[in-house]
């Protein structure tokens, strides 16, 4: 029995176990801006959505998806929920430029604009906007394109809030 224990000790003692190193963890602090615009009372939720999408098209920003969060809440609770939708837009070439310049800009992609209804029935257009310092940290055409996309998002939000096409 001693020989078996000794043999097992040699076998397991001589085998080295290599544990994978933990992944690199980086936390970056960035300034975030939010833009919030109230939708005019005369503009319906659907009209605001339509204006948002049409204006995105005018700016050559591709509509790449929507999350109708209120429907998920209704299916989970079985009760009506205030309407809230998050729309995603992208300019693929600008995204490629920005990622080549700074991989962390992926956190802002795709560009998201929400239209939500509050408890009082007022509708709002809300988006997280890339801060000026991040944009200014980009160079040349990349910075110009990032500025163009941020300006387009603001214009889209204004169009949605007023029902403009």
N, C-alpha and C. Protein backbone atom coordinates (compact mmCIF):
# COMPACT_ATOMS: atom_id res chain seq x y z
N UNK A 1 0.83 -1.19 0.00
CA UNK A 1 0.00 0.00 0.00
C UNK A 1 0.87 1.25 0.00
N UNK A 2 1.98 1.22 0.77
CA UNK A 2 2.89 2.35 0.79
C UNK A 2 3.45 2.64 -0.60
N UNK A 3 3.73 1.58 -1.35
CA UNK A 3 4.29 1.76 -2.69
C UNK A 3 3.28 2.44 -3.62
N UNK A 4 2.02 2.10 -3.46
CA UNK A 4 0.98 2.71 -4.29
C UNK A 4 0.84 4.18 -3.96
N UNK A 5 0.82 4.52 -2.69
CA UNK A 5 0.71 5.92 -2.27
C UNK A 5 1.92 6.70 -2.75
N UNK A 6 3.13 6.09 -2.60
CA UNK A 6 4.36 6.73 -3.04
C UNK A 6 4.33 6.95 -4.55
N UNK A 7 3.86 5.97 -5.30
CA UNK A 7 3.77 6.07 -6.76
C UNK A 7 2.78 7.16 -7.17
N UNK A 8 1.64 7.22 -6.48
CA UNK A 8 0.66 8.26 -6.78
C UNK A 8 1.21 9.65 -6.44
N UNK A 9 1.94 9.75 -5.34
CA UNK A 9 2.54 11.02 -4.94
C UNK A 9 3.56 11.46 -5.98
N UNK A 10 4.34 10.55 -6.49
CA UNK A 10 5.31 10.88 -7.53
C UNK A 10 4.61 11.30 -8.82
N UNK A 11 3.57 10.56 -9.16
CA UNK A 11 2.85 10.85 -10.40
C UNK A 11 2.21 12.22 -10.35
N UNK A 12 1.45 12.48 -9.29
CA UNK A 12 0.74 13.76 -9.20
C UNK A 12 1.66 14.90 -8.79
N UNK A 13 2.65 14.61 -8.01
CA UNK A 13 3.60 15.63 -7.58
C UNK A 13 4.47 16.11 -8.71
N UNK A 14 4.74 15.27 -9.68
CA UNK A 14 5.62 15.66 -10.78
C UNK A 14 4.85 16.30 -11.92
N UNK A 15 3.53 16.24 -11.89
CA UNK A 15 2.72 16.85 -12.93
C UNK A 15 2.43 18.29 -12.52
N UNK A 16 2.80 19.23 -13.38
CA UNK A 16 2.55 20.62 -13.07
C UNK A 16 1.22 21.04 -13.71
N UNK A 17 0.46 21.73 -12.94
CA UNK A 17 -0.81 22.25 -13.45
C UNK A 17 -0.61 23.72 -13.79
N UNK A 18 -0.90 24.08 -15.01
CA UNK A 18 -0.76 25.45 -15.44
C UNK A 18 -2.15 26.09 -15.45
N UNK A 19 -2.28 27.11 -14.66
CA UNK A 19 -3.54 27.85 -14.62
C UNK A 19 -3.44 29.03 -15.56
N UNK A 20 -4.49 29.29 -16.28
CA UNK A 20 -4.50 30.43 -17.18
C UNK A 20 -4.45 31.72 -16.38
N UNK A 21 -3.70 32.67 -16.88
CA UNK A 21 -3.64 33.98 -16.23
C UNK A 21 -4.99 34.65 -16.38
N UNK A 22 -5.39 35.42 -15.38
CA UNK A 22 -6.67 36.12 -15.51
C UNK A 22 -6.61 37.11 -16.67
N UNK A 23 -7.75 37.35 -17.32
CA UNK A 23 -7.76 38.28 -18.45
C UNK A 23 -7.42 39.69 -17.98
N UNK A 24 -6.85 40.46 -18.88
CA UNK A 24 -6.55 41.86 -18.57
C UNK A 24 -7.87 42.60 -18.37
N UNK A 25 -7.92 43.39 -17.36
CA UNK A 25 -9.13 44.15 -17.04
C UNK A 25 -8.75 45.62 -17.03
N UNK A 26 -9.38 46.35 -17.89
CA UNK A 26 -9.13 47.79 -17.97
C UNK A 26 -10.43 48.53 -17.75
N UNK A 27 -10.37 49.55 -16.95
CA UNK A 27 -11.53 50.42 -16.74
C UNK A 27 -11.13 51.81 -17.19
N UNK A 28 -11.88 52.34 -18.14
CA UNK A 28 -11.62 53.68 -18.64
C UNK A 28 -12.71 54.61 -18.17
N UNK A 29 -12.31 55.75 -17.70
CA UNK A 29 -13.28 56.76 -17.31
C UNK A 29 -13.45 57.72 -18.47
N UNK A 30 -14.68 57.85 -18.92
CA UNK A 30 -14.99 58.79 -19.99
C UNK A 30 -16.16 59.65 -19.55
N UNK A 31 -16.19 60.84 -20.07
CA UNK A 31 -17.33 61.70 -19.82
C UNK A 31 -18.43 61.30 -20.80
N UNK A 32 -19.62 61.23 -20.32
CA UNK A 32 -20.75 60.88 -21.17
C UNK A 32 -21.74 62.04 -21.12
N UNK A 33 -22.27 62.34 -22.26
CA UNK A 33 -23.28 63.38 -22.35
C UNK A 33 -24.60 62.72 -22.73
N UNK A 34 -25.67 63.23 -22.19
CA UNK A 34 -26.99 62.76 -22.59
C UNK A 34 -27.74 63.94 -23.17
N UNK A 35 -28.42 63.68 -24.24
CA UNK A 35 -29.28 64.68 -24.84
C UNK A 35 -30.71 64.19 -24.68
N UNK A 36 -31.56 65.05 -24.14
CA UNK A 36 -32.96 64.69 -23.89
C UNK A 36 -33.83 65.82 -24.43
N UNK A 37 -34.74 65.47 -25.32
CA UNK A 37 -35.62 66.46 -25.94
C UNK A 37 -37.06 65.98 -25.81
N UNK A 38 -37.94 66.86 -25.34
CA UNK A 38 -39.35 66.49 -25.23
C UNK A 38 -40.00 66.53 -26.61
N UNK A 39 -40.79 65.52 -26.89
CA UNK A 39 -41.54 65.45 -28.14
C UNK A 39 -42.75 66.36 -28.01
N UNK A 40 -43.00 67.14 -29.04
CA UNK A 40 -44.16 68.04 -29.03
C UNK A 40 -45.44 67.24 -28.82
N UNK A 41 -46.37 67.83 -28.08
CA UNK A 41 -47.63 67.15 -27.79
C UNK A 41 -48.38 66.75 -29.06
N UNK A 42 -48.20 67.53 -30.12
CA UNK A 42 -48.92 67.27 -31.37
C UNK A 42 -48.29 66.12 -32.19
N UNK A 43 -47.15 65.60 -31.75
CA UNK A 43 -46.44 64.55 -32.48
C UNK A 43 -46.67 63.21 -31.77
N UNK A 44 -47.24 62.27 -32.48
CA UNK A 44 -47.49 60.95 -31.90
C UNK A 44 -46.17 60.17 -31.77
N UNK A 45 -46.20 59.13 -30.99
CA UNK A 45 -45.03 58.27 -30.84
C UNK A 45 -44.62 57.73 -32.21
N UNK A 46 -45.59 57.22 -32.97
CA UNK A 46 -45.29 56.66 -34.29
C UNK A 46 -44.74 57.70 -35.25
N UNK A 47 -45.26 58.92 -35.18
CA UNK A 47 -44.74 59.98 -36.04
C UNK A 47 -43.30 60.34 -35.66
N UNK A 48 -43.00 60.34 -34.38
CA UNK A 48 -41.63 60.62 -33.93
C UNK A 48 -40.68 59.55 -34.44
N UNK A 49 -41.12 58.30 -34.38
CA UNK A 49 -40.30 57.19 -34.88
C UNK A 49 -40.05 57.35 -36.37
N UNK A 50 -41.10 57.64 -37.11
CA UNK A 50 -40.97 57.79 -38.56
C UNK A 50 -40.03 58.95 -38.91
N UNK A 51 -40.16 60.06 -38.21
CA UNK A 51 -39.29 61.21 -38.44
C UNK A 51 -37.83 60.86 -38.14
N UNK A 52 -37.63 60.14 -37.06
CA UNK A 52 -36.28 59.73 -36.67
C UNK A 52 -35.63 58.89 -37.77
N UNK A 53 -36.36 57.91 -38.27
CA UNK A 53 -35.81 57.03 -39.29
C UNK A 53 -35.59 57.75 -40.63
N UNK A 54 -36.53 58.60 -41.01
CA UNK A 54 -36.38 59.34 -42.26
C UNK A 54 -35.18 60.29 -42.21
N UNK A 55 -35.01 60.97 -41.08
CA UNK A 55 -33.88 61.89 -40.94
C UNK A 55 -32.56 61.12 -40.91
N UNK A 56 -32.55 59.95 -40.31
CA UNK A 56 -31.33 59.11 -40.31
C UNK A 56 -30.95 58.78 -41.75
N UNK A 57 -31.95 58.45 -42.55
CA UNK A 57 -31.70 58.14 -43.95
C UNK A 57 -31.10 59.33 -44.69
N UNK A 58 -31.57 60.52 -44.39
CA UNK A 58 -31.03 61.73 -45.02
C UNK A 58 -29.56 61.94 -44.67
N UNK A 59 -29.16 61.47 -43.50
CA UNK A 59 -27.77 61.59 -43.04
C UNK A 59 -26.93 60.36 -43.39
N UNK A 60 -27.49 59.46 -44.17
CA UNK A 60 -26.80 58.21 -44.55
C UNK A 60 -26.40 57.37 -43.34
N UNK A 61 -27.22 57.41 -42.30
CA UNK A 61 -27.03 56.53 -41.15
C UNK A 61 -28.00 55.37 -41.32
N UNK A 62 -27.46 54.19 -41.29
CA UNK A 62 -28.28 53.00 -41.51
C UNK A 62 -29.02 52.61 -40.24
N UNK A 63 -30.32 52.37 -40.37
CA UNK A 63 -31.12 51.84 -39.27
C UNK A 63 -30.78 50.36 -39.15
N UNK A 64 -30.21 49.96 -38.01
CA UNK A 64 -29.74 48.57 -37.88
C UNK A 64 -30.51 47.77 -36.82
N UNK A 65 -31.51 48.37 -36.21
CA UNK A 65 -32.31 47.58 -35.28
C UNK A 65 -33.08 48.39 -34.28
N UNK A 66 -34.00 47.72 -33.62
CA UNK A 66 -34.81 48.35 -32.60
C UNK A 66 -35.05 47.35 -31.48
N UNK A 67 -35.07 47.85 -30.26
CA UNK A 67 -35.44 47.05 -29.10
C UNK A 67 -36.72 47.66 -28.56
N UNK A 68 -37.82 46.94 -28.71
CA UNK A 68 -39.11 47.41 -28.20
C UNK A 68 -39.25 46.90 -26.77
N UNK A 69 -38.54 47.56 -25.88
CA UNK A 69 -38.43 47.12 -24.50
C UNK A 69 -39.79 47.01 -23.80
N UNK A 70 -40.71 47.86 -24.15
CA UNK A 70 -42.02 47.83 -23.50
C UNK A 70 -42.74 46.50 -23.76
N UNK A 71 -42.53 45.92 -24.94
CA UNK A 71 -43.17 44.63 -25.24
C UNK A 71 -42.60 43.52 -24.36
N UNK A 72 -41.32 43.57 -24.10
CA UNK A 72 -40.69 42.59 -23.21
C UNK A 72 -41.26 42.72 -21.79
N UNK A 73 -41.40 43.96 -21.33
CA UNK A 73 -41.95 44.20 -19.99
C UNK A 73 -43.39 43.70 -19.92
N UNK A 74 -44.17 43.96 -20.96
CA UNK A 74 -45.56 43.48 -20.98
C UNK A 74 -45.63 41.95 -20.95
N UNK A 75 -44.73 41.30 -21.69
CA UNK A 75 -44.77 39.83 -21.71
C UNK A 75 -44.32 39.25 -20.38
N UNK A 76 -43.44 39.93 -19.68
CA UNK A 76 -42.97 39.43 -18.38
C UNK A 76 -43.97 39.69 -17.26
N UNK A 77 -44.65 40.84 -17.33
CA UNK A 77 -45.56 41.21 -16.24
C UNK A 77 -47.02 40.90 -16.54
N UNK A 78 -47.36 40.76 -17.82
CA UNK A 78 -48.75 40.56 -18.19
C UNK A 78 -49.58 41.83 -18.08
N UNK A 79 -48.89 42.97 -17.91
CA UNK A 79 -49.57 44.26 -17.76
C UNK A 79 -49.07 45.24 -18.82
N UNK A 80 -49.90 46.19 -19.19
CA UNK A 80 -49.45 47.21 -20.15
C UNK A 80 -48.28 48.01 -19.57
N UNK A 81 -47.35 48.41 -20.44
CA UNK A 81 -46.19 49.20 -20.02
C UNK A 81 -46.14 50.47 -20.86
N UNK A 82 -45.54 51.50 -20.32
CA UNK A 82 -45.33 52.72 -21.07
C UNK A 82 -44.43 52.39 -22.26
N UNK A 83 -44.72 52.97 -23.38
CA UNK A 83 -43.97 52.63 -24.59
C UNK A 83 -42.54 53.17 -24.49
N UNK A 84 -41.59 52.32 -24.79
CA UNK A 84 -40.18 52.69 -24.82
C UNK A 84 -39.49 51.83 -25.86
N UNK A 85 -38.80 52.50 -26.76
CA UNK A 85 -38.11 51.80 -27.83
C UNK A 85 -36.72 52.40 -28.00
N UNK A 86 -35.75 51.55 -28.26
CA UNK A 86 -34.37 51.98 -28.46
C UNK A 86 -34.00 51.65 -29.90
N UNK A 87 -33.63 52.68 -30.66
CA UNK A 87 -33.31 52.53 -32.07
C UNK A 87 -31.81 52.59 -32.27
N UNK A 88 -31.30 51.73 -33.13
CA UNK A 88 -29.86 51.64 -33.39
C UNK A 88 -29.56 52.08 -34.82
N UNK A 89 -28.55 52.93 -34.95
CA UNK A 89 -28.13 53.46 -36.25
C UNK A 89 -26.62 53.32 -36.37
N UNK A 90 -26.13 53.21 -37.62
CA UNK A 90 -24.70 53.05 -37.79
C UNK A 90 -24.23 53.60 -39.13
N UNK A 91 -23.04 54.13 -39.12
CA UNK A 91 -22.29 54.47 -40.32
C UNK A 91 -21.07 53.56 -40.27
N UNK A 92 -21.11 52.47 -41.01
CA UNK A 92 -20.09 51.44 -40.93
C UNK A 92 -18.69 51.92 -41.20
N UNK A 93 -18.51 52.81 -42.18
CA UNK A 93 -17.17 53.28 -42.50
C UNK A 93 -16.60 54.16 -41.40
N UNK A 94 -17.45 55.02 -40.82
CA UNK A 94 -17.00 55.83 -39.69
C UNK A 94 -16.69 54.94 -38.50
N UNK A 95 -17.51 53.92 -38.26
CA UNK A 95 -17.25 52.99 -37.16
C UNK A 95 -15.89 52.32 -37.35
N UNK A 96 -15.60 51.90 -38.56
CA UNK A 96 -14.31 51.26 -38.85
C UNK A 96 -13.15 52.22 -38.57
N UNK A 97 -13.28 53.47 -38.99
CA UNK A 97 -12.23 54.46 -38.74
C UNK A 97 -12.03 54.68 -37.25
N UNK A 98 -13.14 54.81 -36.53
CA UNK A 98 -13.04 55.09 -35.10
C UNK A 98 -12.41 53.93 -34.35
N UNK A 99 -12.77 52.71 -34.71
CA UNK A 99 -12.19 51.55 -34.05
C UNK A 99 -10.70 51.42 -34.34
N UNK A 100 -10.30 51.79 -35.55
CA UNK A 100 -8.87 51.77 -35.89
C UNK A 100 -8.11 52.80 -35.06
N UNK A 101 -8.76 53.92 -34.76
CA UNK A 101 -8.13 54.98 -33.98
C UNK A 101 -8.15 54.70 -32.48
N UNK A 102 -9.25 54.14 -31.99
CA UNK A 102 -9.40 53.89 -30.56
C UNK A 102 -10.43 52.77 -30.36
N UNK A 103 -9.97 51.61 -30.00
CA UNK A 103 -10.83 50.44 -29.84
C UNK A 103 -11.95 50.68 -28.83
N UNK A 104 -11.73 51.54 -27.85
CA UNK A 104 -12.74 51.80 -26.83
C UNK A 104 -13.98 52.49 -27.36
N UNK A 105 -13.90 53.08 -28.55
CA UNK A 105 -15.09 53.75 -29.09
C UNK A 105 -16.20 52.76 -29.42
N UNK A 106 -15.90 51.46 -29.42
CA UNK A 106 -16.94 50.45 -29.67
C UNK A 106 -18.07 50.56 -28.64
N UNK A 107 -17.77 51.09 -27.47
CA UNK A 107 -18.79 51.23 -26.43
C UNK A 107 -19.92 52.17 -26.86
N UNK A 108 -19.66 53.01 -27.86
CA UNK A 108 -20.67 53.95 -28.34
C UNK A 108 -21.41 53.42 -29.57
N UNK A 109 -21.12 52.19 -29.96
CA UNK A 109 -21.69 51.65 -31.20
C UNK A 109 -22.65 50.51 -30.94
N UNK A 110 -23.70 50.37 -31.74
CA UNK A 110 -24.14 51.38 -32.69
C UNK A 110 -24.71 52.58 -31.95
N UNK A 111 -24.91 53.66 -32.68
CA UNK A 111 -25.51 54.84 -32.06
C UNK A 111 -26.94 54.50 -31.67
N UNK A 112 -27.31 54.84 -30.44
CA UNK A 112 -28.63 54.49 -29.92
C UNK A 112 -29.42 55.75 -29.57
N UNK A 113 -30.65 55.75 -30.00
CA UNK A 113 -31.58 56.82 -29.64
C UNK A 113 -32.86 56.16 -29.15
N UNK A 114 -33.30 56.58 -27.97
CA UNK A 114 -34.53 56.02 -27.40
C UNK A 114 -35.66 57.04 -27.52
N UNK A 115 -36.83 56.51 -27.72
CA UNK A 115 -38.05 57.32 -27.59
C UNK A 115 -38.86 56.64 -26.50
N UNK A 116 -39.18 57.40 -25.46
CA UNK A 116 -39.86 56.83 -24.30
C UNK A 116 -41.04 57.70 -23.90
N UNK A 117 -41.99 57.06 -23.26
CA UNK A 117 -43.15 57.76 -22.72
C UNK A 117 -43.03 57.75 -21.21
N UNK A 118 -43.16 58.92 -20.58
CA UNK A 118 -43.06 58.96 -19.12
C UNK A 118 -44.42 58.70 -18.47
N UNK A 119 -44.46 58.73 -17.16
CA UNK A 119 -45.70 58.43 -16.43
C UNK A 119 -46.82 59.42 -16.70
N UNK A 120 -46.44 60.63 -17.11
CA UNK A 120 -47.45 61.66 -17.40
C UNK A 120 -47.93 61.58 -18.86
N UNK A 121 -47.38 60.64 -19.62
CA UNK A 121 -47.77 60.50 -21.01
C UNK A 121 -46.96 61.35 -21.98
N UNK A 122 -45.98 62.10 -21.45
CA UNK A 122 -45.09 62.90 -22.31
C UNK A 122 -44.09 61.96 -22.96
N UNK A 123 -43.73 62.29 -24.19
CA UNK A 123 -42.74 61.49 -24.91
C UNK A 123 -41.42 62.24 -24.97
N UNK A 124 -40.33 61.48 -24.91
CA UNK A 124 -38.99 62.05 -24.89
C UNK A 124 -38.10 61.29 -25.88
N UNK A 125 -37.18 62.02 -26.47
CA UNK A 125 -36.14 61.44 -27.30
C UNK A 125 -34.85 61.60 -26.49
N UNK A 126 -34.17 60.49 -26.22
CA UNK A 126 -33.00 60.51 -25.34
C UNK A 126 -31.88 59.70 -25.97
N UNK A 127 -30.66 60.23 -25.87
CA UNK A 127 -29.50 59.50 -26.38
C UNK A 127 -28.27 59.81 -25.55
N UNK A 128 -27.38 58.84 -25.50
CA UNK A 128 -26.05 59.04 -24.92
C UNK A 128 -25.18 59.53 -26.07
N UNK A 129 -24.50 60.62 -25.85
CA UNK A 129 -23.67 61.22 -26.89
C UNK A 129 -22.19 61.10 -26.51
N UNK A 130 -21.35 60.87 -27.48
CA UNK A 130 -19.92 60.81 -27.23
C UNK A 130 -19.46 62.19 -26.78
N UNK A 131 -18.63 62.23 -25.74
CA UNK A 131 -18.18 63.51 -25.22
C UNK A 131 -17.17 64.17 -26.16
N UNK A 132 -17.05 65.48 -26.04
CA UNK A 132 -16.17 66.24 -26.93
C UNK A 132 -14.70 65.84 -26.79
N UNK A 133 -14.27 65.50 -25.57
CA UNK A 133 -12.86 65.12 -25.38
C UNK A 133 -12.53 63.85 -26.15
N UNK A 134 -13.44 62.89 -26.16
CA UNK A 134 -13.21 61.66 -26.92
C UNK A 134 -13.14 61.97 -28.41
N UNK A 135 -14.03 62.80 -28.88
CA UNK A 135 -14.04 63.16 -30.30
C UNK A 135 -12.76 63.92 -30.65
N UNK A 136 -12.37 64.87 -29.81
CA UNK A 136 -11.16 65.65 -30.08
C UNK A 136 -9.89 64.81 -30.03
N UNK A 137 -9.96 63.67 -29.34
CA UNK A 137 -8.82 62.76 -29.29
C UNK A 137 -8.61 61.99 -30.58
N UNK A 138 -9.59 62.03 -31.46
CA UNK A 138 -9.46 61.37 -32.76
C UNK A 138 -8.76 62.33 -33.72
N UNK A 139 -8.19 61.78 -34.77
CA UNK A 139 -7.41 62.62 -35.69
C UNK A 139 -8.08 62.75 -37.05
N UNK A 140 -7.84 63.88 -37.67
CA UNK A 140 -8.17 64.12 -39.07
C UNK A 140 -9.59 63.77 -39.46
N UNK A 141 -9.69 62.97 -40.53
CA UNK A 141 -10.99 62.59 -41.07
C UNK A 141 -11.82 61.79 -40.07
N UNK A 142 -11.17 61.03 -39.22
CA UNK A 142 -11.90 60.25 -38.21
C UNK A 142 -12.64 61.19 -37.28
N UNK A 143 -11.97 62.25 -36.82
CA UNK A 143 -12.61 63.23 -35.94
C UNK A 143 -13.75 63.92 -36.68
N UNK A 144 -13.52 64.32 -37.93
CA UNK A 144 -14.55 65.01 -38.71
C UNK A 144 -15.77 64.12 -38.89
N UNK A 145 -15.55 62.84 -39.15
CA UNK A 145 -16.67 61.91 -39.33
C UNK A 145 -17.41 61.67 -38.03
N UNK A 146 -16.69 61.58 -36.91
CA UNK A 146 -17.34 61.41 -35.61
C UNK A 146 -18.18 62.65 -35.29
N UNK A 147 -17.64 63.83 -35.57
CA UNK A 147 -18.40 65.07 -35.35
C UNK A 147 -19.65 65.09 -36.24
N UNK A 148 -19.51 64.65 -37.47
CA UNK A 148 -20.64 64.60 -38.40
C UNK A 148 -21.73 63.67 -37.88
N UNK A 149 -21.34 62.50 -37.38
CA UNK A 149 -22.32 61.54 -36.86
C UNK A 149 -23.02 62.10 -35.62
N UNK A 150 -22.27 62.73 -34.71
CA UNK A 150 -22.89 63.31 -33.51
C UNK A 150 -23.86 64.42 -33.90
N UNK A 151 -23.48 65.25 -34.88
CA UNK A 151 -24.39 66.31 -35.35
C UNK A 151 -25.64 65.70 -35.99
N UNK A 152 -25.46 64.61 -36.73
CA UNK A 152 -26.60 63.93 -37.36
C UNK A 152 -27.55 63.39 -36.30
N UNK A 153 -27.00 62.80 -35.23
CA UNK A 153 -27.85 62.27 -34.15
C UNK A 153 -28.68 63.38 -33.53
N UNK A 154 -28.06 64.52 -33.27
CA UNK A 154 -28.80 65.65 -32.70
C UNK A 154 -29.91 66.10 -33.65
N UNK A 155 -29.58 66.18 -34.93
CA UNK A 155 -30.58 66.59 -35.91
C UNK A 155 -31.72 65.58 -35.99
N UNK A 156 -31.40 64.31 -35.95
CA UNK A 156 -32.42 63.26 -35.96
C UNK A 156 -33.35 63.39 -34.76
N UNK A 157 -32.77 63.66 -33.60
CA UNK A 157 -33.56 63.78 -32.39
C UNK A 157 -34.48 64.99 -32.45
N UNK A 158 -33.95 66.11 -32.97
CA UNK A 158 -34.78 67.30 -33.13
C UNK A 158 -35.93 67.03 -34.10
N UNK A 159 -35.62 66.33 -35.19
CA UNK A 159 -36.67 66.00 -36.16
C UNK A 159 -37.74 65.13 -35.52
N UNK A 160 -37.32 64.15 -34.75
CA UNK A 160 -38.28 63.26 -34.08
C UNK A 160 -39.14 64.04 -33.10
N UNK A 161 -38.54 64.98 -32.38
CA UNK A 161 -39.29 65.71 -31.36
C UNK A 161 -40.33 66.66 -31.95
N UNK A 162 -40.09 67.09 -33.18
CA UNK A 162 -41.04 68.01 -33.80
C UNK A 162 -41.86 67.38 -34.92
N UNK A 163 -41.56 66.12 -35.25
CA UNK A 163 -42.30 65.44 -36.30
C UNK A 163 -41.86 65.84 -37.69
N UNK A 164 -40.71 66.49 -37.79
CA UNK A 164 -40.20 66.90 -39.11
C UNK A 164 -39.74 65.69 -39.91
N UNK A 165 -39.80 65.83 -41.22
CA UNK A 165 -39.31 64.78 -42.10
C UNK A 165 -38.01 65.20 -42.64
